[in-house]
């Protein structure tokens, strides 16, 4: 809010209130105040809009590990009074995420840049998506539910993104940030193997109540009942985008390197 006061000459003076300035600053986007977010620069890297170059540099592959178990089949409910033996089909697709746990599309530009960097250093490609499937027989006791669960071999690669704009963005041409990319790995990487197992548990009270509508039969439901633990390899926090120390336009930077 503005305050008014009378000056010595009799003119009315307009004095801007501190609260007005504070409100104006508060309405600015966060990226305009403190620089870009990881989402901002990753989106620009992927789209190539006004981008001179974007590369995933200094990749360091980490040791493989077994990812979280997660349900990959329908759920078998045994509402009968005898054991239920049945075969279940299962299928699984595991993709890639970055430090912010944002999915990286297989075959997309970001995935291609990671693969290019890893191949150049290690001589082999980087897997960004894995699909698998099959069938298994299981026996579920009366009053229990059963399903098929799978855990995928996973591997991380740590590196740094180096982004150059054609024109200044957030007052700089160059921005970089650290990232950890988590992807499915080929089976038996570092001696770690993917696993497919059968899980069962007693029905909850609500599940038992639903058996009344099934007339004491065995039935399948597409509803997943397993809750993943997400405790195998927590992501590093995404690195904050930092402006490069050399704020030279990309074309001039190339000329400097040639001299």
Protein backbone atom coordinates (compact mmCIF):
# COMPACT_ATOMS: atom_id res chain seq x y z
CA UNK A 1 0.00 0.00 0.00
CA UNK A 2 1.25 3.56 -0.83
CA UNK A 3 1.41 6.35 1.81
CA UNK A 4 0.81 10.02 1.05
CA UNK A 5 2.39 13.03 2.81
CA UNK A 6 2.57 16.75 2.23
CA UNK A 7 5.97 18.16 1.12
CA UNK A 8 7.41 21.51 2.12
CA UNK A 9 6.34 23.05 -1.20
CA UNK A 10 2.78 21.94 -0.70
CA UNK A 11 3.00 19.13 -3.26
CA UNK A 12 1.69 15.68 -2.41
CA UNK A 13 4.52 13.13 -2.25
CA UNK A 14 3.94 9.40 -2.93
CA UNK A 15 5.91 7.13 -0.62
CA UNK A 16 5.97 3.43 -1.61
CA UNK A 17 5.28 1.18 1.34
CA UNK A 18 7.70 -1.61 2.19
CA UNK A 19 4.86 -4.08 2.10
CA UNK A 20 4.16 -3.29 -1.56
CA UNK A 21 7.76 -4.01 -2.50
CA UNK A 22 7.66 -7.23 -0.55
CA UNK A 23 4.47 -8.35 -2.25
CA UNK A 24 5.91 -7.52 -5.68
CA UNK A 25 9.02 -9.61 -5.00
CA UNK A 26 6.92 -12.48 -3.72
CA UNK A 27 5.03 -12.72 -7.01
CA UNK A 28 8.18 -13.33 -9.04
CA UNK A 29 8.77 -16.93 -10.15
CA UNK A 30 11.29 -18.81 -8.01
CA UNK A 31 13.51 -19.40 -11.04
CA UNK A 32 13.61 -15.67 -11.77
CA UNK A 33 14.83 -14.92 -8.25
CA UNK A 34 17.34 -17.70 -7.61
CA UNK A 35 18.25 -19.02 -11.03
CA UNK A 36 16.88 -22.08 -12.84
CA UNK A 37 15.62 -25.26 -11.25
CA UNK A 38 16.83 -28.69 -12.35
CA UNK A 39 13.50 -29.14 -14.12
CA UNK A 40 14.11 -25.90 -16.07
CA UNK A 41 17.54 -26.83 -17.40
CA UNK A 42 16.68 -30.49 -18.01
CA UNK A 43 13.67 -29.44 -20.08
CA UNK A 44 15.83 -27.09 -22.14
CA UNK A 45 18.48 -29.77 -22.63
CA UNK A 46 15.80 -32.20 -23.85
CA UNK A 47 14.08 -29.73 -26.18
CA UNK A 48 17.22 -28.05 -27.51
CA UNK A 49 15.45 -24.68 -27.50
CA UNK A 50 18.12 -21.93 -27.78
CA UNK A 51 20.71 -24.52 -26.70
CA UNK A 52 24.20 -24.56 -28.23
CA UNK A 53 25.22 -27.84 -26.55
CA UNK A 54 24.21 -30.11 -23.68
CA UNK A 55 26.33 -33.05 -22.54
CA UNK A 56 26.47 -35.58 -19.72
CA UNK A 57 30.12 -35.50 -18.65
CA UNK A 58 32.51 -37.53 -16.46
CA UNK A 59 30.24 -40.59 -16.05
CA UNK A 60 31.10 -42.88 -13.14
CA UNK A 61 29.25 -46.22 -13.10
CA UNK A 62 28.39 -47.50 -9.62
CA UNK A 63 28.18 -51.08 -8.38
CA UNK A 64 25.02 -52.95 -9.39
CA UNK A 65 22.40 -53.86 -6.78
CA UNK A 66 19.06 -55.66 -6.59
CA UNK A 67 16.16 -53.22 -6.79
CA UNK A 68 12.95 -53.29 -4.80
CA UNK A 69 10.52 -56.18 -5.15
CA UNK A 70 7.24 -55.12 -6.73
CA UNK A 71 4.10 -56.96 -7.80
CA UNK A 72 4.07 -58.01 -11.45
CA UNK A 73 0.93 -60.19 -11.64
CA UNK A 74 -2.74 -60.16 -10.77
CA UNK A 75 -3.70 -61.07 -7.20
CA UNK A 76 -5.12 -64.54 -6.48
CA UNK A 77 -7.74 -64.67 -3.70
CA UNK A 78 -8.63 -68.03 -2.15
CA UNK A 79 -12.08 -67.76 -0.59
CA UNK A 80 -12.56 -71.54 -0.59
CA UNK A 81 -11.89 -74.08 2.16
CA UNK A 82 -9.08 -75.94 0.33
CA UNK A 83 -5.71 -75.08 -1.22
CA UNK A 84 -5.91 -73.30 -4.58
CA UNK A 85 -3.25 -74.13 -7.18
CA UNK A 86 -3.17 -71.98 -10.29
CA UNK A 87 -0.78 -70.61 -12.90
CA UNK A 88 -0.37 -66.83 -13.17
CA UNK A 89 1.10 -64.77 -15.98
CA UNK A 90 3.39 -61.89 -15.08
CA UNK A 91 5.02 -59.01 -16.91
CA UNK A 92 7.36 -56.23 -15.86
CA UNK A 93 8.83 -53.07 -17.36
CA UNK A 94 11.51 -51.10 -15.51
CA UNK A 95 12.69 -47.70 -16.70
CA UNK A 96 15.22 -45.00 -15.85
CA UNK A 97 15.00 -42.06 -13.43
CA UNK A 98 17.25 -39.14 -12.54
CA UNK A 99 18.19 -37.69 -9.13
CA UNK A 100 14.84 -35.95 -8.88
CA UNK A 101 13.18 -39.35 -9.57
CA UNK A 102 11.82 -38.02 -12.86
CA UNK A 103 11.43 -40.68 -15.55
CA UNK A 104 13.83 -40.56 -18.48
CA UNK A 105 12.17 -41.74 -21.69
CA UNK A 106 13.87 -44.64 -23.43
CA UNK A 107 15.02 -43.54 -26.87
CA UNK A 108 14.67 -39.85 -25.95
CA UNK A 109 17.38 -37.19 -26.15
CA UNK A 110 18.39 -37.32 -22.46
CA UNK A 111 18.71 -41.12 -22.55
CA UNK A 112 20.77 -40.82 -25.74
CA UNK A 113 23.18 -38.33 -24.18
CA UNK A 114 23.75 -40.58 -21.16
CA UNK A 115 24.30 -43.59 -23.42
CA UNK A 116 26.73 -41.62 -25.63
CA UNK A 117 28.78 -40.56 -22.61
CA UNK A 118 28.90 -44.03 -21.04
CA UNK A 119 29.76 -45.71 -24.36
CA UNK A 120 32.60 -43.26 -25.00
CA UNK A 121 34.19 -43.97 -21.62
CA UNK A 122 33.35 -47.62 -20.94
CA UNK A 123 32.89 -49.07 -24.43
CA UNK A 124 29.39 -50.44 -23.84
CA UNK A 125 25.89 -49.02 -24.07
CA UNK A 126 23.72 -47.91 -21.16
CA UNK A 127 20.36 -49.68 -20.77
CA UNK A 128 17.43 -47.35 -20.09
CA UNK A 129 14.53 -49.80 -20.14
CA UNK A 130 14.02 -53.52 -19.56
CA UNK A 131 10.92 -55.67 -20.12
CA UNK A 132 10.40 -59.27 -19.01
CA UNK A 133 7.56 -61.70 -18.46
CA UNK A 134 6.49 -65.31 -18.03
CA UNK A 135 4.21 -67.52 -15.96
CA UNK A 136 4.48 -69.35 -12.65
CA UNK A 137 2.33 -71.80 -10.75
CA UNK A 138 1.41 -71.06 -7.13
CA UNK A 139 -0.55 -72.61 -4.30
CA UNK A 140 -2.54 -70.32 -2.02
CA UNK A 141 -4.06 -71.58 1.22
CA UNK A 142 -7.67 -70.88 2.23
CA UNK A 143 -8.16 -67.33 3.48
CA UNK A 144 -4.97 -66.07 1.83
CA UNK A 145 -3.97 -63.99 -1.17
CA UNK A 146 -1.01 -64.63 -3.47
CA UNK A 147 0.88 -62.88 -6.24
CA UNK A 148 4.15 -62.86 -8.18
CA UNK A 149 6.81 -60.32 -7.24
CA UNK A 150 9.97 -59.33 -9.07
CA UNK A 151 13.16 -57.36 -8.37
CA UNK A 152 15.33 -56.02 -11.20
CA UNK A 153 19.11 -55.64 -11.25
CA UNK A 154 19.74 -51.89 -11.12
CA UNK A 155 22.78 -49.67 -11.64
CA UNK A 156 23.54 -46.00 -11.22
CA UNK A 157 25.82 -43.68 -13.16
CA UNK A 158 26.88 -40.39 -11.62
CA UNK A 159 27.88 -37.47 -13.81
CA UNK A 160 27.57 -33.76 -14.50
CA UNK A 161 25.36 -32.04 -17.05
CA UNK A 162 27.02 -29.18 -18.94
CA UNK A 163 24.54 -26.92 -20.73
CA UNK A 164 25.42 -23.99 -23.03
CA UNK A 165 22.77 -21.58 -24.30
CA UNK A 166 23.04 -19.55 -27.51
CA UNK A 167 21.90 -16.51 -25.54
CA UNK A 168 21.97 -15.73 -21.84
CA UNK A 169 19.39 -17.48 -19.67
CA UNK A 170 19.12 -16.32 -16.05
CA UNK A 171 21.97 -13.92 -16.98
CA UNK A 172 24.41 -16.70 -18.01
CA UNK A 173 25.30 -18.73 -21.09
CA UNK A 174 26.57 -21.80 -19.21
CA UNK A 175 24.93 -23.86 -16.45
CA UNK A 176 26.03 -27.18 -14.93
CA UNK A 177 24.62 -29.55 -12.30
CA UNK A 178 25.38 -33.00 -10.87
CA UNK A 179 23.02 -35.90 -11.45
CA UNK A 180 22.63 -39.60 -10.69
CA UNK A 181 20.86 -41.68 -13.33
CA UNK A 182 19.36 -44.99 -12.15
CA UNK A 183 18.59 -47.66 -14.77
CA UNK A 184 17.94 -51.40 -15.14
CA UNK A 185 21.11 -53.39 -15.76
CA UNK A 186 21.65 -56.68 -17.64
CA UNK A 187 21.16 -59.79 -15.52
CA UNK A 188 24.25 -60.94 -13.62
CA UNK A 189 25.89 -57.48 -13.72
CA UNK A 190 28.54 -57.51 -10.96
CA UNK A 191 27.21 -60.96 -10.04
CA UNK A 192 23.73 -59.64 -9.18
CA UNK A 193 20.75 -61.49 -10.64
CA UNK A 194 17.13 -60.39 -11.04
CA UNK A 195 14.64 -62.39 -8.97
CA UNK A 196 11.04 -63.56 -9.44
CA UNK A 197 9.27 -65.02 -6.39
CA UNK A 198 5.82 -65.97 -5.14
CA UNK A 199 4.38 -64.10 -2.16
CA UNK A 200 1.34 -64.90 -0.01
CA UNK A 201 -0.26 -63.43 3.09
CA UNK A 202 -3.49 -63.80 5.12
CA UNK A 203 -6.46 -61.80 3.89
CA UNK A 204 -7.35 -58.58 5.64
CA UNK A 205 -10.80 -58.28 7.26
CA UNK A 206 -12.01 -56.25 4.28
CA UNK A 207 -10.75 -58.90 1.86
CA UNK A 208 -12.46 -61.64 3.86
CA UNK A 209 -15.71 -59.67 3.74
CA UNK A 210 -15.45 -59.47 -0.07
CA UNK A 211 -15.40 -63.26 -0.26
CA UNK A 212 -19.15 -63.29 0.39
CA UNK A 213 -19.77 -61.95 -3.10
CA UNK A 214 -17.58 -64.72 -4.57
CA UNK A 215 -19.61 -67.58 -3.06
CA UNK A 216 -16.53 -69.13 -1.50
CA UNK A 217 -14.60 -69.38 -4.75
CA UNK A 218 -11.08 -68.66 -5.95
CA UNK A 219 -10.77 -65.52 -8.06
CA UNK A 220 -8.24 -63.17 -9.64
CA UNK A 221 -8.14 -59.38 -9.32
CA UNK A 222 -5.97 -56.89 -11.26
CA UNK A 223 -5.64 -54.82 -8.07
CA UNK A 224 -2.06 -54.81 -6.77
CA UNK A 225 -1.65 -55.48 -3.03
CA UNK A 226 2.14 -55.28 -2.59
CA UNK A 227 3.65 -51.99 -1.42
CA UNK A 228 7.32 -51.54 -2.55
CA UNK A 229 9.79 -50.61 0.18
CA UNK A 230 11.94 -48.21 -1.91
CA UNK A 231 14.93 -48.77 0.35
CA UNK A 232 17.58 -50.35 -1.88
CA UNK A 233 19.52 -47.37 -3.20
CA UNK A 234 18.16 -43.93 -2.33
CA UNK A 235 18.78 -41.24 -4.91
CA UNK A 236 21.29 -38.50 -4.24
CA UNK A 237 19.62 -35.11 -4.02
CA UNK A 238 19.71 -33.43 -7.44
CA UNK A 239 22.54 -30.92 -7.78
CA UNK A 240 21.55 -27.26 -7.93
CA UNK A 241 22.22 -25.67 -11.33
CA UNK A 242 25.34 -23.50 -11.06
CA UNK A 243 26.51 -20.86 -13.57
CA UNK A 244 29.84 -21.58 -15.26
CA UNK A 245 32.83 -19.42 -14.32
CA UNK A 246 33.53 -18.63 -17.99
CA UNK A 247 30.56 -16.57 -19.14
CA UNK A 248 31.74 -16.33 -22.75
CA UNK A 249 29.24 -16.79 -25.60
CA UNK A 250 29.52 -20.33 -27.07
CA UNK A 251 30.89 -19.16 -30.45
CA UNK A 252 33.61 -17.09 -28.76
CA UNK A 253 34.41 -19.99 -26.43
CA UNK A 254 35.08 -22.24 -29.44
CA UNK A 255 37.39 -19.62 -30.93
CA UNK A 256 39.30 -19.39 -27.67
CA UNK A 257 39.87 -23.15 -27.65
CA UNK A 258 41.31 -23.07 -31.19
CA UNK A 259 43.83 -20.33 -30.36
